[in-house]
């Protein structure tokens, strides 16, 4: 992943909490620690839908 793409992902916010997301490169997810959700990245596109997010333990 390029630096520009990484910076773009780091600028995204959680649609539920409006807080920054953390990029997890290994899992290809954007993590919302406040909402305890992991949003998937599919084919390089972040899916920022609460219904599509995975609940974190």
PDB file of N, CA and C in Angstrom:
ATOM      1  N   UNK A   1       0.850  -1.175   0.000  1.00  0.00           N
ATOM      2  CA  UNK A   1       0.000   0.000   0.000  1.00  0.00           C
ATOM      3  C   UNK A   1       0.891   1.232   0.000  1.00  0.00           C
ATOM      4  N   UNK A   2       0.519   2.194  -0.791  1.00  0.00           N
ATOM      5  CA  UNK A   2       1.316   3.408  -0.872  1.00  0.00           C
ATOM      6  C   UNK A   2       1.062   4.301   0.339  1.00  0.00           C
ATOM      7  N   UNK A   3       1.971   5.221   0.556  1.00  0.00           N
ATOM      8  CA  UNK A   3       1.846   6.165   1.671  1.00  0.00           C
ATOM      9  C   UNK A   3       0.592   7.017   1.523  1.00  0.00           C
ATOM     10  N   UNK A   4       0.279   7.411   0.286  1.00  0.00           N
ATOM     11  CA  UNK A   4      -0.911   8.225   0.042  1.00  0.00           C
ATOM     12  C   UNK A   4      -2.170   7.465   0.421  1.00  0.00           C
ATOM     13  N   UNK A   5      -2.271   6.197   0.021  1.00  0.00           N
ATOM     14  CA  UNK A   5      -3.443   5.386   0.364  1.00  0.00           C
ATOM     15  C   UNK A   5      -3.546   5.186   1.871  1.00  0.00           C
ATOM     16  N   UNK A   6      -2.438   4.966   2.523  1.00  0.00           N
ATOM     17  CA  UNK A   6      -2.439   4.775   3.979  1.00  0.00           C
ATOM     18  C   UNK A   6      -2.937   6.047   4.674  1.00  0.00           C
ATOM     19  N   UNK A   7      -2.472   7.204   4.218  1.00  0.00           N
ATOM     20  CA  UNK A   7      -2.904   8.475   4.807  1.00  0.00           C
ATOM     21  C   UNK A   7      -4.399   8.703   4.580  1.00  0.00           C
ATOM     22  N   UNK A   8      -4.885   8.319   3.398  1.00  0.00           N
ATOM     23  CA  UNK A   8      -6.307   8.453   3.109  1.00  0.00           C
ATOM     24  C   UNK A   8      -7.131   7.592   4.070  1.00  0.00           C
ATOM     25  N   UNK A   9      -6.707   6.355   4.279  1.00  0.00           N
ATOM     26  CA  UNK A   9      -7.424   5.462   5.187  1.00  0.00           C
ATOM     27  C   UNK A   9      -7.403   5.993   6.617  1.00  0.00           C
ATOM     28  N   UNK A  10      -6.283   6.566   7.015  1.00  0.00           N
ATOM     29  CA  UNK A  10      -6.163   7.100   8.371  1.00  0.00           C
ATOM     30  C   UNK A  10      -7.005   8.357   8.574  1.00  0.00           C
ATOM     31  N   UNK A  11      -7.421   9.006   7.496  1.00  0.00           N
ATOM     32  CA  UNK A  11      -8.244  10.211   7.593  1.00  0.00           C
ATOM     33  C   UNK A  11      -9.732   9.888   7.715  1.00  0.00           C
ATOM     34  N   UNK A  12     -10.117   8.639   7.473  1.00  0.00           N
ATOM     35  CA  UNK A  12     -11.530   8.258   7.546  1.00  0.00           C
ATOM     36  C   UNK A  12     -12.005   8.204   8.995  1.00  0.00           C
ATOM     37  N   UNK A  13     -13.295   8.438   9.177  1.00  0.00           N
ATOM     38  CA  UNK A  13     -13.863   8.392  10.526  1.00  0.00           C
ATOM     39  C   UNK A  13     -14.976   7.353  10.595  1.00  0.00           C
ATOM     40  N   UNK A  14     -15.247   6.907  11.793  1.00  0.00           N
ATOM     41  CA  UNK A  14     -16.302   5.930  12.048  1.00  0.00           C
ATOM     42  C   UNK A  14     -17.657   6.598  11.813  1.00  0.00           C
ATOM     43  N   UNK A  15     -18.531   5.992  11.026  1.00  0.00           N
ATOM     44  CA  UNK A  15     -19.845   6.593  10.783  1.00  0.00           C
ATOM     45  C   UNK A  15     -20.733   6.603  12.035  1.00  0.00           C
ATOM     46  N   UNK A  16     -20.420   5.765  13.004  1.00  0.00           N
ATOM     47  CA  UNK A  16     -21.238   5.694  14.217  1.00  0.00           C
ATOM     48  C   UNK A  16     -20.765   6.684  15.286  1.00  0.00           C
ATOM     49  N   UNK A  17     -19.457   6.748  15.514  1.00  0.00           N
ATOM     50  CA  UNK A  17     -18.924   7.577  16.606  1.00  0.00           C
ATOM     51  C   UNK A  17     -18.305   8.881  16.128  1.00  0.00           C
ATOM     52  N   UNK A  18     -18.002   8.992  14.837  1.00  0.00           N
ATOM     53  CA  UNK A  18     -17.328  10.158  14.256  1.00  0.00           C
ATOM     54  C   UNK A  18     -15.904  10.322  14.774  1.00  0.00           C
ATOM     55  N   UNK A  19     -15.301   9.225  15.213  1.00  0.00           N
ATOM     56  CA  UNK A  19     -13.910   9.252  15.666  1.00  0.00           C
ATOM     57  C   UNK A  19     -13.036   8.556  14.629  1.00  0.00           C
ATOM     58  N   UNK A  20     -11.741   8.838  14.702  1.00  0.00           N
ATOM     59  CA  UNK A  20     -10.794   8.250  13.746  1.00  0.00           C
ATOM     60  C   UNK A  20     -10.772   6.734  13.820  1.00  0.00           C
ATOM     61  N   UNK A  21     -10.483   6.146  12.683  1.00  0.00           N
ATOM     62  CA  UNK A  21     -10.337   4.701  12.571  1.00  0.00           C
ATOM     63  C   UNK A  21      -8.860   4.356  12.495  1.00  0.00           C
ATOM     64  N   UNK A  22      -8.511   3.172  12.959  1.00  0.00           N
ATOM     65  CA  UNK A  22      -7.137   2.680  12.861  1.00  0.00           C
ATOM     66  C   UNK A  22      -7.091   1.630  11.759  1.00  0.00           C
ATOM     67  N   UNK A  23      -6.075   1.716  10.924  1.00  0.00           N
ATOM     68  CA  UNK A  23      -5.907   0.787   9.808  1.00  0.00           C
ATOM     69  C   UNK A  23      -5.172  -0.458  10.276  1.00  0.00           C
ATOM     70  N   UNK A  24      -5.773  -1.610  10.069  1.00  0.00           N
ATOM     71  CA  UNK A  24      -5.150  -2.902  10.363  1.00  0.00           C
ATOM     72  C   UNK A  24      -4.815  -3.558   9.029  1.00  0.00           C
ATOM     73  N   UNK A  25      -3.565  -3.426   8.611  1.00  0.00           N
ATOM     74  CA  UNK A  25      -3.138  -3.925   7.303  1.00  0.00           C
ATOM     75  C   UNK A  25      -3.248  -5.436   7.196  1.00  0.00           C
ATOM     76  N   UNK A  26      -2.918  -6.144   8.260  1.00  0.00           N
ATOM     77  CA  UNK A  26      -2.944  -7.610   8.224  1.00  0.00           C
ATOM     78  C   UNK A  26      -4.355  -8.145   7.997  1.00  0.00           C
ATOM     79  N   UNK A  27      -5.337  -7.538   8.650  1.00  0.00           N
ATOM     80  CA  UNK A  27      -6.723  -8.002   8.544  1.00  0.00           C
ATOM     81  C   UNK A  27      -7.498  -7.277   7.443  1.00  0.00           C
ATOM     82  N   UNK A  28      -6.889  -6.241   6.849  1.00  0.00           N
ATOM     83  CA  UNK A  28      -7.569  -5.412   5.858  1.00  0.00           C
ATOM     84  C   UNK A  28      -8.893  -4.884   6.411  1.00  0.00           C
ATOM     85  N   UNK A  29      -8.780  -4.229   7.567  1.00  0.00           N
ATOM     86  CA  UNK A  29      -9.940  -3.653   8.248  1.00  0.00           C
ATOM     87  C   UNK A  29      -9.589  -2.280   8.801  1.00  0.00           C
ATOM     88  N   UNK A  30     -10.614  -1.492   9.023  1.00  0.00           N
ATOM     89  CA  UNK A  30     -10.491  -0.221   9.721  1.00  0.00           C
ATOM     90  C   UNK A  30     -11.172  -0.411  11.069  1.00  0.00           C
ATOM     91  N   UNK A  31     -10.455  -0.141  12.136  1.00  0.00           N
ATOM     92  CA  UNK A  31     -10.913  -0.438  13.484  1.00  0.00           C
ATOM     93  C   UNK A  31     -11.419   0.821  14.185  1.00  0.00           C
ATOM     94  N   UNK A  32     -12.615   0.712  14.734  1.00  0.00           N
ATOM     95  CA  UNK A  32     -13.167   1.765  15.580  1.00  0.00           C
ATOM     96  C   UNK A  32     -13.122   1.245  17.015  1.00  0.00           C
ATOM     97  N   UNK A  33     -12.158   1.746  17.785  1.00  0.00           N
ATOM     98  CA  UNK A  33     -12.048   1.280  19.171  1.00  0.00           C
ATOM     99  C   UNK A  33     -13.213   1.800  20.007  1.00  0.00           C
ATOM    100  N   UNK A  34     -13.716   2.979  19.682  1.00  0.00           N
ATOM    101  CA  UNK A  34     -14.829   3.557  20.444  1.00  0.00           C
ATOM    102  C   UNK A  34     -16.118   2.753  20.254  1.00  0.00           C
ATOM    103  N   UNK A  35     -16.379   2.313  19.030  1.00  0.00           N
ATOM    104  CA  UNK A  35     -17.604   1.564  18.734  1.00  0.00           C
ATOM    105  C   UNK A  35     -17.403   0.056  18.845  1.00  0.00           C
ATOM    106  N   UNK A  36     -16.149  -0.388  19.011  1.00  0.00           N
ATOM    107  CA  UNK A  36     -15.814  -1.816  19.060  1.00  0.00           C
ATOM    108  C   UNK A  36     -16.241  -2.527  17.772  1.00  0.00           C
ATOM    109  N   UNK A  37     -15.941  -1.856  16.643  1.00  0.00           N
ATOM    110  CA  UNK A  37     -16.296  -2.404  15.337  1.00  0.00           C
ATOM    111  C   UNK A  37     -15.071  -2.431  14.428  1.00  0.00           C
ATOM    112  N   UNK A  38     -15.076  -3.383  13.493  1.00  0.00           N
ATOM    113  CA  UNK A  38     -14.046  -3.482  12.470  1.00  0.00           C
ATOM    114  C   UNK A  38     -14.736  -3.428  11.113  1.00  0.00           C
ATOM    115  N   UNK A  39     -14.430  -2.386  10.350  1.00  0.00           N
ATOM    116  CA  UNK A  39     -15.016  -2.212   9.025  1.00  0.00           C
ATOM    117  C   UNK A  39     -14.113  -2.871   7.988  1.00  0.00           C
ATOM    118  N   UNK A  40     -14.675  -3.686   7.094  1.00  0.00           N
ATOM    119  CA  UNK A  40     -13.842  -4.379   6.114  1.00  0.00           C
ATOM    120  C   UNK A  40     -13.374  -3.455   4.994  1.00  0.00           C
ATOM    121  N   UNK A  41     -12.258  -3.848   4.396  1.00  0.00           N
ATOM    122  CA  UNK A  41     -11.778  -3.205   3.172  1.00  0.00           C
ATOM    123  C   UNK A  41     -11.845  -4.289   2.111  1.00  0.00           C
ATOM    124  N   UNK A  42     -12.698  -4.101   1.119  1.00  0.00           N
ATOM    125  CA  UNK A  42     -12.902  -5.109   0.066  1.00  0.00           C
ATOM    126  C   UNK A  42     -12.424  -4.565  -1.269  1.00  0.00           C
ATOM    127  N   UNK A  43     -11.521  -5.277  -1.897  1.00  0.00           N
ATOM    128  CA  UNK A  43     -10.950  -4.855  -3.185  1.00  0.00           C
ATOM    129  C   UNK A  43     -10.407  -3.440  -3.111  1.00  0.00           C
ATOM    130  N   UNK A  44      -9.815  -3.107  -1.954  1.00  0.00           N
ATOM    131  CA  UNK A  44      -9.205  -1.798  -1.775  1.00  0.00           C
ATOM    132  C   UNK A  44     -10.172  -0.689  -1.422  1.00  0.00           C
ATOM    133  N   UNK A  45     -11.456  -1.025  -1.227  1.00  0.00           N
ATOM    134  CA  UNK A  45     -12.478  -0.022  -0.931  1.00  0.00           C
ATOM    135  C   UNK A  45     -13.002  -0.222   0.486  1.00  0.00           C
ATOM    136  N   UNK A  46     -12.884   0.785   1.358  1.00  0.00           N
ATOM    137  CA  UNK A  46     -13.418   0.675   2.715  1.00  0.00           C
ATOM    138  C   UNK A  46     -14.956   0.631   2.686  1.00  0.00           C
ATOM    139  N   UNK A  47     -15.512  -0.320   3.412  1.00  0.00           N
ATOM    140  CA  UNK A  47     -16.969  -0.448   3.511  1.00  0.00           C
ATOM    141  C   UNK A  47     -17.366   0.089   4.881  1.00  0.00           C
ATOM    142  N   UNK A  48     -17.775   1.351   4.914  1.00  0.00           N
ATOM    143  CA  UNK A  48     -18.066   2.025   6.180  1.00  0.00           C
ATOM    144  C   UNK A  48     -19.561   1.989   6.499  1.00  0.00           C
ATOM    145  N   UNK A  49     -20.102   0.795   6.498  1.00  0.00           N
ATOM    146  CA  UNK A  49     -21.499   0.572   6.857  1.00  0.00           C
ATOM    147  C   UNK A  49     -21.535  -0.215   8.159  1.00  0.00           C
ATOM    148  N   UNK A  50     -22.268   0.290   9.130  1.00  0.00           N
ATOM    149  CA  UNK A  50     -22.339  -0.375  10.428  1.00  0.00           C
ATOM    150  C   UNK A  50     -22.849  -1.802  10.277  1.00  0.00           C
ATOM    151  N   UNK A  51     -23.793  -2.021   9.368  1.00  0.00           N
ATOM    152  CA  UNK A  51     -24.338  -3.365   9.138  1.00  0.00           C
ATOM    153  C   UNK A  51     -23.311  -4.343   8.589  1.00  0.00           C
ATOM    154  N   UNK A  52     -22.268  -3.834   7.943  1.00  0.00           N
ATOM    155  CA  UNK A  52     -21.222  -4.675   7.364  1.00  0.00           C
ATOM    156  C   UNK A  52     -20.036  -4.863   8.301  1.00  0.00           C
ATOM    157  N   UNK A  53     -19.998  -4.107   9.389  1.00  0.00           N
ATOM    158  CA  UNK A  53     -18.868  -4.161  10.316  1.00  0.00           C
ATOM    159  C   UNK A  53     -18.934  -5.400  11.198  1.00  0.00           C
ATOM    160  N   UNK A  54     -17.752  -5.828  11.611  1.00  0.00           N
ATOM    161  CA  UNK A  54     -17.625  -6.973  12.511  1.00  0.00           C
ATOM    162  C   UNK A  54     -17.478  -6.442  13.945  1.00  0.00           C
ATOM    163  N   UNK A  55     -18.220  -7.046  14.856  1.00  0.00           N
ATOM    164  CA  UNK A  55     -18.134  -6.665  16.278  1.00  0.00           C
ATOM    165  C   UNK A  55     -16.823  -7.176  16.850  1.00  0.00           C
ATOM    166  N   UNK A  56     -16.097  -6.303  17.563  1.00  0.00           N
ATOM    167  CA  UNK A  56     -14.844  -6.702  18.207  1.00  0.00           C
ATOM    168  C   UNK A  56     -15.137  -7.245  19.608  1.00  0.00           C
ATOM    169  N   UNK A  57     -14.308  -8.151  20.042  1.00  0.00           N
ATOM    170  CA  UNK A  57     -14.479  -8.741  21.382  1.00  0.00           C
ATOM    171  C   UNK A  57     -14.172  -7.758  22.477  1.00  0.00           C
TER     172      UNK A  57
END
